[in-house]
Amino acid sequence: MAKSFESWQFWNATRKLLGEPFLLRVLGKRNARIIRMYSSDPRFVAERCNDPLQHLHTLFTELDLAGRGDIARRALEYLQSAIDDGQHPAAVVPLKPTLDAEILADYQAVAELQAAIADGVPVDEVKDLVEEAKAEIDRSLTKYLEEQRR
């Protein structure tokens, strides 16, 4: 069974392929020791520190727990754009000021979907509208949960 990916593996490969001086410039670090700490297998070193990927993992987890996994997904899509077609994902849609406003937006998204189906638009466009409606409903749930925490 293959081991699961660990962030140090990314840093180790990046350090070997691109070199420490490049990583120091990109990360704005002055000490190569930090790069070596990021890229060391924790099984074989006494001293280890959390690297930027681990910090992102924590942020994405917390965003998801707060009901805004969509923001984490957009960030991942942004990172993925570096190796794919280079197109950046759409901007994150902020929550509306009230739950009622969020629910009204749900109705509008579903109405647009129904109209597209009735008009016989291409399947790809209908799928996009379905995803938009789901995202809108997810934002309503997030707003509801946010108001329940108060």
N, C-alpha and C. Protein backbone atom coordinates (compact mmCIF):
# COMPACT_ATOMS: atom_id res chain seq x y z
N MET A 1 0.84 -1.18 0.00
CA MET A 1 0.00 0.00 0.00
C MET A 1 0.89 1.25 0.00
N ALA A 2 0.58 2.17 -0.85
CA ALA A 2 1.37 3.39 -0.97
C ALA A 2 1.14 4.30 0.23
N LYS A 3 2.23 4.97 0.63
CA LYS A 3 2.11 5.94 1.72
C LYS A 3 1.35 7.15 1.20
N SER A 4 0.71 7.85 2.12
CA SER A 4 0.01 9.06 1.71
C SER A 4 0.99 10.22 1.60
N PHE A 5 0.63 11.18 0.81
CA PHE A 5 1.47 12.35 0.57
C PHE A 5 1.67 13.13 1.86
N GLU A 6 2.89 13.58 2.08
CA GLU A 6 3.20 14.46 3.21
C GLU A 6 3.87 15.70 2.65
N SER A 7 3.62 16.82 3.28
CA SER A 7 4.10 18.09 2.73
C SER A 7 5.61 18.17 2.59
N TRP A 8 6.36 17.51 3.45
CA TRP A 8 7.82 17.55 3.35
C TRP A 8 8.28 17.01 2.00
N GLN A 9 7.52 16.06 1.41
CA GLN A 9 7.89 15.48 0.12
C GLN A 9 7.87 16.55 -0.98
N PHE A 10 6.89 17.44 -0.92
CA PHE A 10 6.82 18.55 -1.88
C PHE A 10 8.07 19.42 -1.75
N TRP A 11 8.38 19.79 -0.51
CA TRP A 11 9.53 20.68 -0.28
C TRP A 11 10.84 20.00 -0.65
N ASN A 12 10.95 18.71 -0.39
CA ASN A 12 12.16 17.97 -0.72
C ASN A 12 12.38 17.95 -2.23
N ALA A 13 11.32 17.63 -2.97
CA ALA A 13 11.44 17.58 -4.44
C ALA A 13 11.70 18.98 -5.01
N THR A 14 11.02 19.97 -4.46
CA THR A 14 11.20 21.34 -4.95
C THR A 14 12.62 21.83 -4.69
N ARG A 15 13.14 21.53 -3.52
CA ARG A 15 14.51 21.94 -3.18
C ARG A 15 15.51 21.28 -4.13
N LYS A 16 15.30 19.99 -4.42
CA LYS A 16 16.22 19.27 -5.32
C LYS A 16 16.12 19.79 -6.75
N LEU A 17 14.90 20.04 -7.21
CA LEU A 17 14.71 20.45 -8.61
C LEU A 17 15.01 21.92 -8.86
N LEU A 18 14.61 22.79 -7.96
CA LEU A 18 14.74 24.24 -8.19
C LEU A 18 15.87 24.88 -7.40
N GLY A 19 16.32 24.21 -6.36
CA GLY A 19 17.44 24.71 -5.57
C GLY A 19 17.02 25.61 -4.41
N GLU A 20 17.85 25.60 -3.37
CA GLU A 20 17.58 26.41 -2.18
C GLU A 20 17.55 27.91 -2.47
N PRO A 21 18.51 28.43 -3.28
CA PRO A 21 18.49 29.88 -3.54
C PRO A 21 17.16 30.35 -4.14
N PHE A 22 16.61 29.55 -5.06
CA PHE A 22 15.33 29.92 -5.67
C PHE A 22 14.23 29.92 -4.62
N LEU A 23 14.17 28.88 -3.79
CA LEU A 23 13.14 28.81 -2.75
C LEU A 23 13.28 29.95 -1.76
N LEU A 24 14.49 30.29 -1.41
CA LEU A 24 14.70 31.41 -0.49
C LEU A 24 14.15 32.70 -1.07
N ARG A 25 14.37 32.93 -2.37
CA ARG A 25 13.85 34.15 -3.02
C ARG A 25 12.32 34.14 -3.05
N VAL A 26 11.75 33.01 -3.48
CA VAL A 26 10.29 32.93 -3.61
C VAL A 26 9.59 33.07 -2.25
N LEU A 27 10.12 32.45 -1.24
CA LEU A 27 9.49 32.46 0.07
C LEU A 27 9.89 33.66 0.93
N GLY A 28 10.85 34.44 0.44
CA GLY A 28 11.28 35.61 1.21
C GLY A 28 12.01 35.23 2.48
N LYS A 29 12.71 34.12 2.46
CA LYS A 29 13.45 33.66 3.64
C LYS A 29 14.93 34.01 3.46
N ARG A 30 15.61 34.19 4.59
CA ARG A 30 17.04 34.50 4.54
C ARG A 30 17.90 33.31 4.94
N ASN A 31 17.30 32.34 5.60
CA ASN A 31 18.06 31.24 6.16
C ASN A 31 17.69 29.94 5.45
N ALA A 32 18.66 29.31 4.81
CA ALA A 32 18.41 28.05 4.09
C ALA A 32 18.03 26.93 5.05
N ARG A 33 18.35 27.09 6.33
CA ARG A 33 18.02 26.06 7.31
C ARG A 33 16.52 25.79 7.34
N ILE A 34 15.72 26.82 7.20
CA ILE A 34 14.26 26.64 7.23
C ILE A 34 13.80 25.80 6.03
N ILE A 35 14.41 26.00 4.87
CA ILE A 35 14.06 25.19 3.70
C ILE A 35 14.44 23.73 3.95
N ARG A 36 15.58 23.51 4.54
CA ARG A 36 16.00 22.13 4.84
C ARG A 36 15.07 21.50 5.88
N MET A 37 14.57 22.29 6.82
CA MET A 37 13.62 21.75 7.81
C MET A 37 12.30 21.37 7.13
N TYR A 38 11.82 22.23 6.22
CA TYR A 38 10.59 21.92 5.50
C TYR A 38 10.74 20.61 4.72
N SER A 39 11.93 20.39 4.15
CA SER A 39 12.11 19.29 3.20
C SER A 39 12.68 18.02 3.82
N SER A 40 12.78 17.96 5.13
CA SER A 40 13.33 16.78 5.79
C SER A 40 12.24 15.80 6.18
N ASP A 41 12.54 14.52 5.97
CA ASP A 41 11.63 13.46 6.38
C ASP A 41 11.57 13.46 7.91
N PRO A 42 10.41 13.67 8.50
CA PRO A 42 10.31 13.78 9.96
C PRO A 42 10.75 12.51 10.70
N ARG A 43 10.82 11.40 10.02
CA ARG A 43 11.28 10.17 10.68
C ARG A 43 12.76 10.22 11.02
N PHE A 44 13.49 11.11 10.33
CA PHE A 44 14.94 11.11 10.49
C PHE A 44 15.51 12.41 11.04
N VAL A 45 14.68 13.30 11.51
CA VAL A 45 15.18 14.57 12.06
C VAL A 45 14.56 14.81 13.43
N ALA A 46 15.34 15.45 14.27
CA ALA A 46 14.85 15.74 15.63
C ALA A 46 14.03 17.02 15.63
N GLU A 47 14.39 17.97 14.75
CA GLU A 47 13.73 19.27 14.75
C GLU A 47 12.90 19.42 13.47
N ARG A 48 11.68 19.80 13.64
CA ARG A 48 10.75 19.95 12.51
C ARG A 48 9.90 21.18 12.77
N CYS A 49 9.46 21.84 11.70
CA CYS A 49 8.55 22.98 11.86
C CYS A 49 7.42 22.86 10.84
N ASN A 50 6.32 23.52 11.12
CA ASN A 50 5.21 23.51 10.18
C ASN A 50 5.58 24.34 8.96
N ASP A 51 5.34 23.78 7.80
CA ASP A 51 5.67 24.48 6.56
C ASP A 51 4.42 25.17 5.99
N PRO A 52 4.58 26.00 4.97
CA PRO A 52 3.43 26.72 4.41
C PRO A 52 2.30 25.82 3.93
N LEU A 53 2.62 24.64 3.39
CA LEU A 53 1.54 23.73 2.97
C LEU A 53 0.73 23.25 4.17
N GLN A 54 1.40 22.97 5.26
CA GLN A 54 0.68 22.55 6.47
C GLN A 54 -0.21 23.68 6.99
N HIS A 55 0.28 24.91 6.91
CA HIS A 55 -0.53 26.04 7.33
C HIS A 55 -1.76 26.20 6.43
N LEU A 56 -1.57 26.03 5.11
CA LEU A 56 -2.72 26.10 4.19
C LEU A 56 -3.72 25.00 4.51
N HIS A 57 -3.23 23.81 4.80
CA HIS A 57 -4.11 22.69 5.14
C HIS A 57 -4.98 23.05 6.34
N THR A 58 -4.36 23.65 7.35
CA THR A 58 -5.10 24.07 8.54
C THR A 58 -6.14 25.13 8.19
N LEU A 59 -5.74 26.12 7.38
CA LEU A 59 -6.68 27.17 6.98
C LEU A 59 -7.86 26.59 6.20
N PHE A 60 -7.58 25.68 5.27
CA PHE A 60 -8.66 25.08 4.47
C PHE A 60 -9.61 24.28 5.36
N THR A 61 -9.05 23.56 6.33
CA THR A 61 -9.89 22.79 7.26
C THR A 61 -10.80 23.73 8.05
N GLU A 62 -10.25 24.81 8.55
CA GLU A 62 -11.04 25.76 9.34
C GLU A 62 -12.10 26.46 8.49
N LEU A 63 -11.76 26.80 7.25
CA LEU A 63 -12.76 27.40 6.35
C LEU A 63 -13.92 26.43 6.13
N ASP A 64 -13.59 25.17 5.92
CA ASP A 64 -14.63 24.16 5.70
C ASP A 64 -15.50 24.00 6.94
N LEU A 65 -14.88 23.97 8.11
CA LEU A 65 -15.65 23.86 9.35
C LEU A 65 -16.55 25.07 9.56
N ALA A 66 -16.11 26.22 9.04
CA ALA A 66 -16.90 27.45 9.17
C ALA A 66 -17.97 27.54 8.08
N GLY A 67 -18.07 26.49 7.25
CA GLY A 67 -19.09 26.48 6.20
C GLY A 67 -18.66 27.16 4.92
N ARG A 68 -17.40 27.51 4.78
CA ARG A 68 -16.93 28.18 3.57
C ARG A 68 -15.86 27.36 2.86
N GLY A 69 -16.14 26.07 2.71
CA GLY A 69 -15.26 25.21 1.93
C GLY A 69 -15.11 25.69 0.50
N ASP A 70 -16.10 26.47 0.03
CA ASP A 70 -16.02 27.00 -1.33
C ASP A 70 -14.81 27.92 -1.50
N ILE A 71 -14.45 28.65 -0.46
CA ILE A 71 -13.28 29.52 -0.53
C ILE A 71 -12.02 28.67 -0.64
N ALA A 72 -11.94 27.61 0.15
CA ALA A 72 -10.78 26.71 0.08
C ALA A 72 -10.69 26.07 -1.30
N ARG A 73 -11.84 25.66 -1.85
CA ARG A 73 -11.82 25.05 -3.19
C ARG A 73 -11.34 26.05 -4.25
N ARG A 74 -11.76 27.30 -4.13
CA ARG A 74 -11.29 28.32 -5.09
C ARG A 74 -9.79 28.51 -4.98
N ALA A 75 -9.27 28.49 -3.74
CA ALA A 75 -7.82 28.62 -3.56
C ALA A 75 -7.09 27.44 -4.21
N LEU A 76 -7.64 26.25 -4.05
CA LEU A 76 -7.03 25.08 -4.68
C LEU A 76 -7.10 25.17 -6.20
N GLU A 77 -8.23 25.66 -6.72
CA GLU A 77 -8.35 25.85 -8.16
C GLU A 77 -7.33 26.88 -8.65
N TYR A 78 -7.12 27.92 -7.86
CA TYR A 78 -6.13 28.93 -8.20
C TYR A 78 -4.74 28.29 -8.28
N LEU A 79 -4.39 27.49 -7.28
CA LEU A 79 -3.09 26.82 -7.29
C LEU A 79 -2.98 25.87 -8.47
N GLN A 80 -4.06 25.15 -8.77
CA GLN A 80 -4.06 24.21 -9.88
C GLN A 80 -3.89 24.93 -11.22
N SER A 81 -4.32 26.18 -11.30
CA SER A 81 -4.19 26.93 -12.56
C SER A 81 -2.73 27.13 -12.96
N ALA A 82 -1.81 26.99 -12.02
CA ALA A 82 -0.38 27.12 -12.33
C ALA A 82 0.11 25.99 -13.23
N ILE A 83 -0.53 24.83 -13.16
CA ILE A 83 -0.07 23.69 -13.96
C ILE A 83 -1.07 23.25 -15.02
N ASP A 84 -2.26 23.79 -15.00
CA ASP A 84 -3.24 23.44 -16.01
C ASP A 84 -3.28 24.51 -17.08
N ASP A 85 -4.43 24.95 -17.46
CA ASP A 85 -4.56 25.88 -18.57
C ASP A 85 -4.27 27.33 -18.22
N GLY A 86 -3.99 27.60 -16.97
CA GLY A 86 -3.64 28.95 -16.57
C GLY A 86 -4.82 29.86 -16.32
N GLN A 87 -6.04 29.35 -16.48
CA GLN A 87 -7.22 30.17 -16.22
C GLN A 87 -7.50 30.19 -14.72
N HIS A 88 -7.66 31.38 -14.20
CA HIS A 88 -7.95 31.52 -12.78
C HIS A 88 -9.43 31.26 -12.52
N PRO A 89 -9.74 30.68 -11.36
CA PRO A 89 -11.15 30.43 -11.03
C PRO A 89 -11.91 31.74 -10.81
N ALA A 90 -13.21 31.62 -10.85
CA ALA A 90 -14.07 32.78 -10.59
C ALA A 90 -13.86 33.25 -9.15
N ALA A 91 -14.15 34.50 -8.93
CA ALA A 91 -14.00 35.08 -7.60
C ALA A 91 -14.97 34.43 -6.62
N VAL A 92 -14.61 34.45 -5.36
CA VAL A 92 -15.49 33.95 -4.30
C VAL A 92 -16.66 34.91 -4.16
N VAL A 93 -17.85 34.35 -4.08
CA VAL A 93 -19.05 35.17 -3.92
C VAL A 93 -19.27 35.40 -2.43
N PRO A 94 -19.28 36.66 -2.00
CA PRO A 94 -19.48 36.92 -0.57
C PRO A 94 -20.92 36.60 -0.15
N LEU A 95 -21.08 36.35 1.13
CA LEU A 95 -22.42 36.10 1.65
C LEU A 95 -23.24 37.38 1.60
N LYS A 96 -24.52 37.22 1.38
CA LYS A 96 -25.44 38.36 1.41
C LYS A 96 -25.59 38.80 2.88
N PRO A 97 -26.07 40.03 3.10
CA PRO A 97 -26.14 40.54 4.47
C PRO A 97 -27.15 39.82 5.36
N THR A 98 -28.17 39.21 4.76
CA THR A 98 -29.19 38.54 5.58
C THR A 98 -29.50 37.16 5.00
N LEU A 99 -30.07 36.31 5.83
CA LEU A 99 -30.49 34.99 5.39
C LEU A 99 -31.60 35.11 4.36
N ASP A 100 -32.52 36.04 4.56
CA ASP A 100 -33.60 36.24 3.58
C ASP A 100 -33.05 36.57 2.20
N ALA A 101 -32.02 37.41 2.15
CA ALA A 101 -31.41 37.76 0.86
C ALA A 101 -30.75 36.54 0.23
N GLU A 102 -30.12 35.70 1.05
CA GLU A 102 -29.52 34.47 0.54
C GLU A 102 -30.59 33.55 -0.04
N ILE A 103 -31.70 33.41 0.65
CA ILE A 103 -32.77 32.51 0.19
C ILE A 103 -33.39 33.03 -1.11
N LEU A 104 -33.56 34.34 -1.21
CA LEU A 104 -34.06 34.91 -2.47
C LEU A 104 -33.11 34.61 -3.62
N ALA A 105 -31.82 34.65 -3.37
CA ALA A 105 -30.84 34.32 -4.41
C ALA A 105 -30.95 32.85 -4.82
N ASP A 106 -31.33 31.98 -3.86
CA ASP A 106 -31.55 30.57 -4.18
C ASP A 106 -32.66 30.44 -5.22
N TYR A 107 -33.76 31.13 -4.96
CA TYR A 107 -34.90 31.06 -5.88
C TYR A 107 -34.51 31.53 -7.28
N GLN A 108 -33.74 32.61 -7.35
CA GLN A 108 -33.32 33.14 -8.64
C GLN A 108 -32.44 32.12 -9.38
N ALA A 109 -31.52 31.50 -8.67
CA ALA A 109 -30.62 30.52 -9.29
C ALA A 109 -31.41 29.31 -9.81
N VAL A 110 -32.37 28.84 -9.01
CA VAL A 110 -33.19 27.69 -9.43
C VAL A 110 -34.10 28.08 -10.60
N ALA A 111 -34.64 29.30 -10.59
CA ALA A 111 -35.48 29.77 -11.69
C ALA A 111 -34.69 29.84 -13.00
N GLU A 112 -33.43 30.31 -12.92
CA GLU A 112 -32.58 30.34 -14.12
C GLU A 112 -32.32 28.93 -14.64
N LEU A 113 -32.13 27.99 -13.75
CA LEU A 113 -31.93 26.60 -14.12
C LEU A 113 -33.18 26.04 -14.80
N GLN A 114 -34.35 26.29 -14.21
CA GLN A 114 -35.60 25.81 -14.79
C GLN A 114 -35.83 26.40 -16.17
N ALA A 115 -35.55 27.68 -16.34
CA ALA A 115 -35.73 28.34 -17.64
C ALA A 115 -34.79 27.74 -18.68
N ALA A 116 -33.57 27.46 -18.29
CA ALA A 116 -32.61 26.87 -19.23
C ALA A 116 -33.06 25.49 -19.67
N ILE A 117 -33.56 24.71 -18.73
CA ILE A 117 -34.06 23.37 -19.07
C ILE A 117 -35.25 23.48 -20.00
N ALA A 118 -36.16 24.39 -19.69
CA ALA A 118 -37.36 24.58 -20.53
C ALA A 118 -36.99 25.04 -21.93
N ASP A 119 -35.94 25.84 -22.04
CA ASP A 119 -35.50 26.34 -23.35
C ASP A 119 -34.63 25.35 -24.11
N GLY A 120 -34.28 24.24 -23.46
CA GLY A 120 -33.49 23.22 -24.14
C GLY A 120 -32.04 23.63 -24.40
N VAL A 121 -31.45 24.40 -23.49
CA VAL A 121 -30.06 24.82 -23.70
C VAL A 121 -29.15 23.59 -23.61
N PRO A 122 -27.94 23.69 -24.15
CA PRO A 122 -27.02 22.55 -24.14
C PRO A 122 -26.75 22.02 -22.71
N VAL A 123 -26.50 20.74 -22.63
CA VAL A 123 -26.31 20.06 -21.35
C VAL A 123 -25.19 20.69 -20.53
N ASP A 124 -24.10 21.06 -21.16
CA ASP A 124 -22.98 21.66 -20.42
C ASP A 124 -23.41 22.94 -19.70
N GLU A 125 -24.23 23.75 -20.35
CA GLU A 125 -24.71 24.98 -19.73
C GLU A 125 -25.65 24.68 -18.58
N VAL A 126 -26.50 23.65 -18.74
CA VAL A 126 -27.41 23.25 -17.66
C VAL A 126 -26.60 22.76 -16.46
N LYS A 127 -25.55 21.99 -16.72
CA LYS A 127 -24.70 21.50 -15.62
C LYS A 127 -24.06 22.67 -14.88
N ASP A 128 -23.62 23.68 -15.62
CA ASP A 128 -23.04 24.87 -14.97
C ASP A 128 -24.07 25.56 -14.09
N LEU A 129 -25.31 25.67 -14.58
CA LEU A 129 -26.37 26.30 -13.79
C LEU A 129 -26.72 25.48 -12.56
N VAL A 130 -26.65 24.16 -12.68
CA VAL A 130 -26.89 23.29 -11.52
C VAL A 130 -25.83 23.57 -10.46
N GLU A 131 -24.57 23.67 -10.88
CA GLU A 131 -23.48 23.94 -9.92
C GLU A 131 -23.65 25.31 -9.28
N GLU A 132 -24.07 26.30 -10.06
CA GLU A 132 -24.30 27.63 -9.51
C GLU A 132 -25.44 27.60 -8.49
N ALA A 133 -26.51 26.86 -8.79
CA ALA A 133 -27.64 26.77 -7.86
C ALA A 133 -27.21 26.06 -6.57
N LYS A 134 -26.43 25.00 -6.70
CA LYS A 134 -25.93 24.30 -5.51
C LYS A 134 -25.07 25.23 -4.66
N ALA A 135 -24.20 25.98 -5.32
CA ALA A 135 -23.32 26.90 -4.59
C ALA A 135 -24.15 27.97 -3.88
N GLU A 136 -25.20 28.43 -4.53
CA GLU A 136 -26.06 29.44 -3.91
C GLU A 136 -26.76 28.87 -2.69
N ILE A 137 -27.25 27.66 -2.79
CA ILE A 137 -27.91 27.01 -1.65
C ILE A 137 -26.90 26.77 -0.53
N ASP A 138 -25.68 26.38 -0.89
CA ASP A 138 -24.63 26.21 0.13
C ASP A 138 -24.37 27.51 0.87
N ARG A 139 -24.39 28.64 0.15
CA ARG A 139 -24.18 29.93 0.82
C ARG A 139 -25.33 30.24 1.78
N SER A 140 -26.54 29.83 1.42
CA SER A 140 -27.68 30.02 2.33
C SER A 140 -27.48 29.21 3.61
N LEU A 141 -27.04 27.99 3.47
CA LEU A 141 -26.76 27.15 4.64
C LEU A 141 -25.68 27.79 5.50
N THR A 142 -24.63 28.29 4.86
CA THR A 142 -23.55 28.94 5.61
C THR A 142 -24.07 30.15 6.37
N LYS A 143 -24.90 30.94 5.71
CA LYS A 143 -25.47 32.14 6.37
C LYS A 143 -26.35 31.70 7.54
N TYR A 144 -27.14 30.65 7.34
CA TYR A 144 -28.00 30.14 8.41
C TYR A 144 -27.15 29.71 9.61
N LEU A 145 -26.10 28.94 9.35
CA LEU A 145 -25.23 28.47 10.42
C LEU A 145 -24.55 29.64 11.12
N GLU A 146 -24.15 30.63 10.33
CA GLU A 146 -23.52 31.82 10.90
C GLU A 146 -24.48 32.53 11.85
N GLU A 147 -25.74 32.65 11.45
CA GLU A 147 -26.73 33.32 12.31
C GLU A 147 -27.06 32.47 13.54
N GLN A 148 -27.00 31.15 13.43
CA GLN A 148 -27.29 30.29 14.57
C GLN A 148 -26.21 30.39 15.63
N ARG A 149 -24.98 30.69 15.23
CA ARG A 149 -23.86 30.78 16.18
C ARG A 149 -23.95 32.05 17.03
N ARG A 150 -24.72 33.02 16.61
CA ARG A 150 -24.81 34.29 17.35
C ARG A 150 -25.64 34.16 18.59
